Every structure is written in C-alpha cells, then in structure tokens.
Protein backbone atom coordinates (compact mmCIF):
# COMPACT_ATOMS: atom_id res chain seq x y z
CA MET A 1 7.13 53.96 -76.10
CA THR A 2 10.71 54.96 -75.36
CA PHE A 3 13.10 56.33 -77.97
CA SER A 4 15.05 53.09 -77.93
CA ASP A 5 11.85 51.21 -78.84
CA SER A 6 11.49 53.31 -81.99
CA PHE A 7 15.05 52.63 -83.14
CA THR A 8 15.25 49.59 -85.40
CA PHE A 9 18.43 47.55 -85.05
CA ILE A 10 19.72 46.34 -88.43
CA PRO A 11 22.03 43.31 -88.14
CA ASN A 12 25.15 42.73 -90.22
CA THR A 13 25.86 46.43 -90.78
CA ASP A 14 28.45 48.80 -89.39
CA TRP A 15 28.20 48.89 -85.58
CA GLN A 16 28.89 52.63 -85.44
CA THR A 17 25.53 53.33 -87.05
CA THR A 18 23.53 50.47 -85.50
CA LEU A 19 24.79 48.84 -82.32
CA LEU A 20 26.35 51.91 -80.68
CA PRO A 21 23.28 54.15 -81.23
CA LYS A 22 20.97 51.36 -80.06
CA LEU A 23 22.95 50.92 -76.85
CA PHE A 24 23.14 54.66 -76.30
CA ALA A 25 19.39 55.11 -76.79
CA GLU A 26 18.80 52.51 -74.09
CA VAL A 27 21.25 54.28 -71.76
CA VAL A 28 19.47 57.61 -72.22
CA ASP A 29 16.06 56.08 -71.51
CA ILE A 30 17.34 54.49 -68.31
CA HIS A 31 19.17 57.67 -67.31
CA LEU A 32 16.06 59.82 -67.76
CA ILE A 33 14.07 57.54 -65.47
CA LYS A 34 16.75 58.02 -62.83
CA ARG A 35 17.00 61.74 -63.53
CA GLY A 36 13.28 62.17 -63.02
CA GLY A 37 13.38 60.46 -59.63
CA LYS A 38 15.46 60.64 -56.49
CA SER A 39 17.97 57.89 -57.24
CA PHE A 40 21.50 58.81 -58.31
CA GLN A 41 22.83 55.25 -58.31
CA VAL A 42 23.97 53.64 -61.55
CA SER A 43 21.71 50.66 -62.05
CA VAL A 44 22.69 47.27 -63.42
CA ALA A 45 20.67 48.02 -66.56
CA GLU A 46 22.46 51.34 -67.11
CA ARG A 47 25.87 49.72 -66.67
CA ALA A 48 24.94 46.84 -68.98
CA HIS A 49 24.17 49.21 -71.86
CA ALA A 50 26.74 51.95 -71.14
CA GLN A 51 29.89 49.95 -70.54
CA PRO A 52 29.93 48.13 -73.92
CA ILE A 53 29.86 51.56 -75.61
CA ILE A 54 33.09 52.48 -73.81
CA ILE A 55 34.82 49.24 -74.78
CA LEU A 56 33.64 49.43 -78.41
CA ALA A 57 34.73 53.08 -78.76
CA ALA A 58 38.19 52.32 -77.38
CA PHE A 59 38.50 49.27 -79.62
CA GLN A 60 37.61 51.27 -82.73
CA ILE A 61 40.08 54.04 -81.87
CA GLU A 62 42.88 51.54 -81.26
CA SER A 63 42.15 49.71 -84.51
CA VAL A 64 42.18 52.88 -86.61
CA ALA A 65 45.31 54.22 -84.87
CA ARG A 66 47.23 50.97 -85.41
CA GLY A 67 46.14 50.78 -89.02
CA ILE A 68 47.22 54.34 -89.79
CA PHE A 69 50.56 53.74 -88.06
CA SER A 70 51.20 50.64 -90.18
CA SER A 71 50.23 52.50 -93.35
CA ASN A 72 52.43 55.50 -92.58
CA HIS A 73 55.51 53.63 -91.35
CA LYS A 74 55.24 50.41 -93.39
CA LYS A 75 55.77 48.26 -90.31
CA ASP A 76 53.82 46.64 -87.51
CA PRO A 77 52.46 49.08 -84.92
CA PRO A 78 53.88 49.14 -81.37
CA TRP A 79 52.13 47.12 -78.70
CA GLN A 80 51.20 50.25 -76.74
CA ALA A 81 48.21 51.87 -78.43
CA GLU A 82 49.13 55.21 -76.83
CA LYS A 83 52.24 55.44 -79.03
CA CYS A 84 50.08 55.01 -82.12
CA ILE A 85 47.77 57.74 -80.84
CA GLU A 86 50.68 60.12 -80.29
CA ASP A 87 51.91 59.43 -83.82
CA LEU A 88 48.62 60.71 -85.28
CA LYS A 89 49.28 64.31 -84.22
CA LEU A 90 45.76 64.87 -82.93
CA THR A 91 44.86 68.02 -81.08
CA ALA A 92 46.30 67.96 -77.58
CA SER A 93 42.85 68.03 -75.98
CA LEU A 94 41.57 65.06 -77.99
CA GLU A 95 44.76 63.06 -77.37
CA GLU A 96 44.30 63.49 -73.62
CA ALA A 97 40.62 62.57 -73.91
CA VAL A 98 41.49 59.37 -75.78
CA LYS A 99 43.99 58.40 -73.09
CA GLU A 100 41.36 59.01 -70.42
CA LEU A 101 38.97 56.79 -72.36
CA PHE A 102 41.63 54.06 -72.35
CA VAL A 103 41.90 54.39 -68.55
CA VAL A 104 38.17 53.81 -68.10
CA ARG A 105 38.26 50.96 -70.63
CA ASP A 106 41.12 49.32 -68.73
CA CYS A 107 39.03 49.36 -65.56
CA LEU A 108 36.26 47.49 -67.35
CA ALA A 109 38.10 45.16 -69.72
CA HIS A 110 41.42 44.52 -67.98
CA GLY A 111 40.53 44.68 -64.30
CA HIS A 112 42.80 47.61 -63.49
CA SER A 113 41.91 48.65 -59.98
CA TYR A 114 41.70 52.07 -58.41
CA LYS A 115 40.94 51.90 -54.70
CA VAL A 116 39.83 54.65 -52.37
CA TYR A 117 40.00 54.25 -48.62
CA TYR A 118 38.98 56.37 -45.64
CA ARG A 119 40.24 56.52 -42.09
CA TYR A 120 39.96 58.78 -39.05
CA ASP A 121 42.93 60.59 -37.53
CA LYS A 122 43.47 61.11 -33.81
CA GLU A 123 41.09 64.06 -33.84
CA TYR A 124 38.43 61.96 -35.56
CA LYS A 125 38.75 63.82 -38.83
CA LEU A 126 38.00 61.78 -41.92
CA ILE A 127 41.04 61.32 -44.16
CA ARG A 128 40.74 60.15 -47.76
CA GLY A 129 43.46 58.11 -49.42
CA GLU A 130 44.03 56.47 -52.79
CA THR A 131 45.98 53.46 -53.96
CA ILE A 132 46.73 52.52 -57.54
CA LYS A 133 47.60 48.99 -58.57
CA LYS A 134 50.36 49.14 -61.17
CA TYR A 135 50.42 46.93 -64.23
CA GLY A 136 53.89 46.73 -65.73
CA GLY A 137 54.91 50.07 -67.19
CA ASP A 138 51.34 51.40 -67.39
CA THR A 139 51.40 54.88 -65.88
CA LYS A 140 48.07 56.18 -67.21
CA PHE A 141 46.33 56.00 -63.84
CA LYS A 142 48.98 58.02 -62.06
CA LYS A 143 49.01 60.71 -64.74
CA LEU A 144 45.34 60.94 -65.62
CA VAL A 145 43.31 60.08 -62.50
CA ARG A 146 42.67 62.19 -59.44
CA ASN A 147 40.07 61.70 -56.70
CA ASN A 148 38.63 58.63 -58.40
CA ARG A 149 37.98 60.51 -61.67
CA THR A 150 39.88 61.39 -64.82
CA ARG A 151 41.41 64.84 -64.68
CA ILE A 152 39.94 66.45 -67.82
CA LEU A 153 36.59 64.81 -68.55
CA ASN A 154 35.78 63.83 -64.97
CA MET A 155 34.88 60.23 -65.85
CA THR A 156 34.72 57.90 -62.89
CA VAL A 157 37.11 54.94 -62.68
CA SER A 158 34.94 53.16 -60.13
CA THR A 159 33.45 50.36 -62.22
CA PRO A 160 30.09 50.12 -60.39
CA ARG A 161 29.50 53.81 -61.17
CA ILE A 162 30.47 53.83 -64.85
CA GLY A 163 27.28 54.60 -66.78
CA TYR A 164 25.51 57.23 -68.87
CA TYR A 165 28.06 60.06 -68.59
CA GLU A 166 31.05 57.88 -69.42
CA SER A 167 29.23 56.34 -72.41
CA LEU A 168 28.39 59.83 -73.71
CA CYS A 169 32.03 60.88 -73.37
CA SER A 170 33.15 57.75 -75.22
CA ALA A 171 30.78 58.26 -78.16
CA LEU A 172 31.78 61.91 -78.58
CA ILE A 173 35.49 61.10 -78.26
CA LEU A 174 35.10 58.45 -80.98
CA ASP A 175 33.18 60.89 -83.15
CA GLU A 176 35.87 63.59 -82.89
CA PHE A 177 38.66 61.03 -83.32
CA ILE A 178 37.20 59.75 -86.60
CA HIS A 179 36.68 63.32 -87.77
CA GLN A 180 40.32 64.22 -87.14
CA THR A 181 41.72 61.04 -88.71
CA THR A 182 39.82 61.33 -92.00
CA GLY A 183 42.76 63.34 -93.34
CA HIS A 184 44.80 60.13 -93.58
CA ALA A 185 44.33 58.90 -97.14
CA ALA A 186 44.74 55.23 -96.21
CA TRP A 187 41.59 55.38 -94.10
CA ASN A 188 39.32 57.68 -96.11
CA ALA A 189 37.56 54.72 -97.69
CA LEU A 190 37.03 53.01 -94.34
CA LEU A 191 35.55 56.12 -92.74
CA SER A 192 33.23 57.10 -95.59
CA ASP A 193 29.70 55.97 -96.30
CA ILE A 194 28.02 55.50 -99.68
CA GLU A 195 27.39 59.24 -100.11
CA GLY A 196 31.00 60.05 -99.29
CA GLU A 197 30.22 61.65 -95.92
CA THR A 198 32.08 60.50 -92.84
CA LYS A 199 30.24 58.20 -90.48
CA SER A 200 31.55 60.19 -87.54
CA TYR A 201 28.80 62.74 -87.95
CA ARG A 202 26.16 60.03 -87.78
CA ILE A 203 27.22 59.32 -84.22
CA ARG A 204 26.98 62.96 -83.14
CA ASP A 205 23.76 63.54 -85.10
CA PHE A 206 22.19 60.50 -83.50
CA ILE A 207 23.11 61.75 -80.03
CA ASN A 208 21.61 65.16 -80.83
CA THR A 209 18.45 63.48 -82.11
CA VAL A 210 18.10 61.41 -78.95
CA PHE A 211 18.48 64.50 -76.80
CA ALA A 212 16.02 66.55 -78.86
CA LEU A 213 13.33 63.87 -78.76
CA ARG A 214 13.75 62.76 -75.17
CA ASP A 215 14.84 65.79 -73.18
CA PRO A 216 16.51 68.92 -74.66
CA ARG A 217 18.20 69.59 -71.31
CA LEU A 218 20.49 66.64 -71.98
CA LYS A 219 22.18 68.63 -74.75
CA LYS A 220 23.94 70.56 -72.02
CA ASP A 221 25.70 67.34 -71.02
CA ALA A 222 27.11 66.92 -74.51
CA LYS A 223 28.13 70.58 -74.86
CA LYS A 224 30.13 70.43 -71.63
CA ILE A 225 32.09 67.49 -73.04
CA LEU A 226 32.55 68.85 -76.58
CA VAL A 227 34.24 72.06 -75.39
CA LYS A 228 36.97 69.88 -73.84
CA LEU A 229 37.67 67.85 -76.99
C-alpha cells in the first residue's frame, strides 16, 4: 500500500486540506518509484498529479490577494495579479517566489512558451540560445527565467518536465503566503479552521508527514525550498 492509498479523500470540503494533499501524496509515490530506479524523466502520471497543484496554488494566491486588495482599497482589484501581490507587502523573498509560481502556472494554463534551441558554430561548438514569446506587457519571463528555469527556486518552465519539484515548491509557497496574509483582518475568518488555527500549517504538516512516512530523505527537498521563502 502506498501513502496515497491510505489517505481518504473527503468530498465537498476545503481543497487545501483534501484535494491538494491527495494530489501531492500521489506525486510523492510516483516520484519515489522514479527516484529508486534509473529514470529521471517526468512521467505522464507525475505530470497529471503535479501540475494541478501548481494551478490550484496560484489560483488560491490570486484570489486571496485580490480579495485583500478590494477590502483594503474599497475598489475592484487591478487586472494584473502581480500588482495585488505587491500591495500586500510580503517579504521580498516570498513575493519573488509567488511571481515565479505565476510564471510556471502561465506555462501550463495560458500556453506561454519558452523555447530553447541549439546550434553549432563554425568550429562545431554547441551554442545554446533562448527565445521568449511575449504576451502583451507580460515581462515575467524576461525578469524571472534564465536557462529554462526560474532564477530563485530553479523551477523548470518546460511543460513536459514540470512535476514533483515544482508541485512541492507551489504547496510551500501557498503555505507561506497564507501564513503571511493572516494578519489582514478581512481574511482571518477565511483562513481559520474550527479550532482557530490557520489552515496553512495543515499543508506543511501534511508534506512533513508524507516525507516522514515514505522517505525521510525527501525532507531535504523541502528544506532547500523553505530557506528561500
């Protein structure tokens, strides 16, 4: 039995404490199979469970940021979610992490393309190049991506390779984001459970539980991310 088999999905409840952990448990099980073998490719199954986590995390962050903006300024939030994020006065490291999450989300949900090409020069040396397809005034790729990965968290923007690591980053970014936004009175009720404790810790605690039960070495993956948030 895998860890994901032992996790019971409860419908019609908050997705942070049901759907996201269920998906993440599946990702970890698939990742450990790969980690124990010789394959380093991201499988279809890994992508199918990991990529929804990224989209859901970005969606939740955008929703909370827009809601807080409306509450604070008594007007509709701007179309660009990044402006709402900047208005929250998060720590600089988390703000950058959220923007990197949006970059990866845009690759998956909006078809933003980041292409890498190779060619040989006259001396037959391999030269690597990059092209970025622009979408209106969106400059996130140019600012936040280098060598096919985000600059701070090193998440890939190549959609066939987005998997376990990017889903782990997304869950931890969401966790820290909720933790930092609980100071906004308008959202305390939304971000609190019955006992009055923030749901953000449930996400991180679940991740720690998965790692402890499946393979303690995976905790190192999370620690490397957390020090950057």
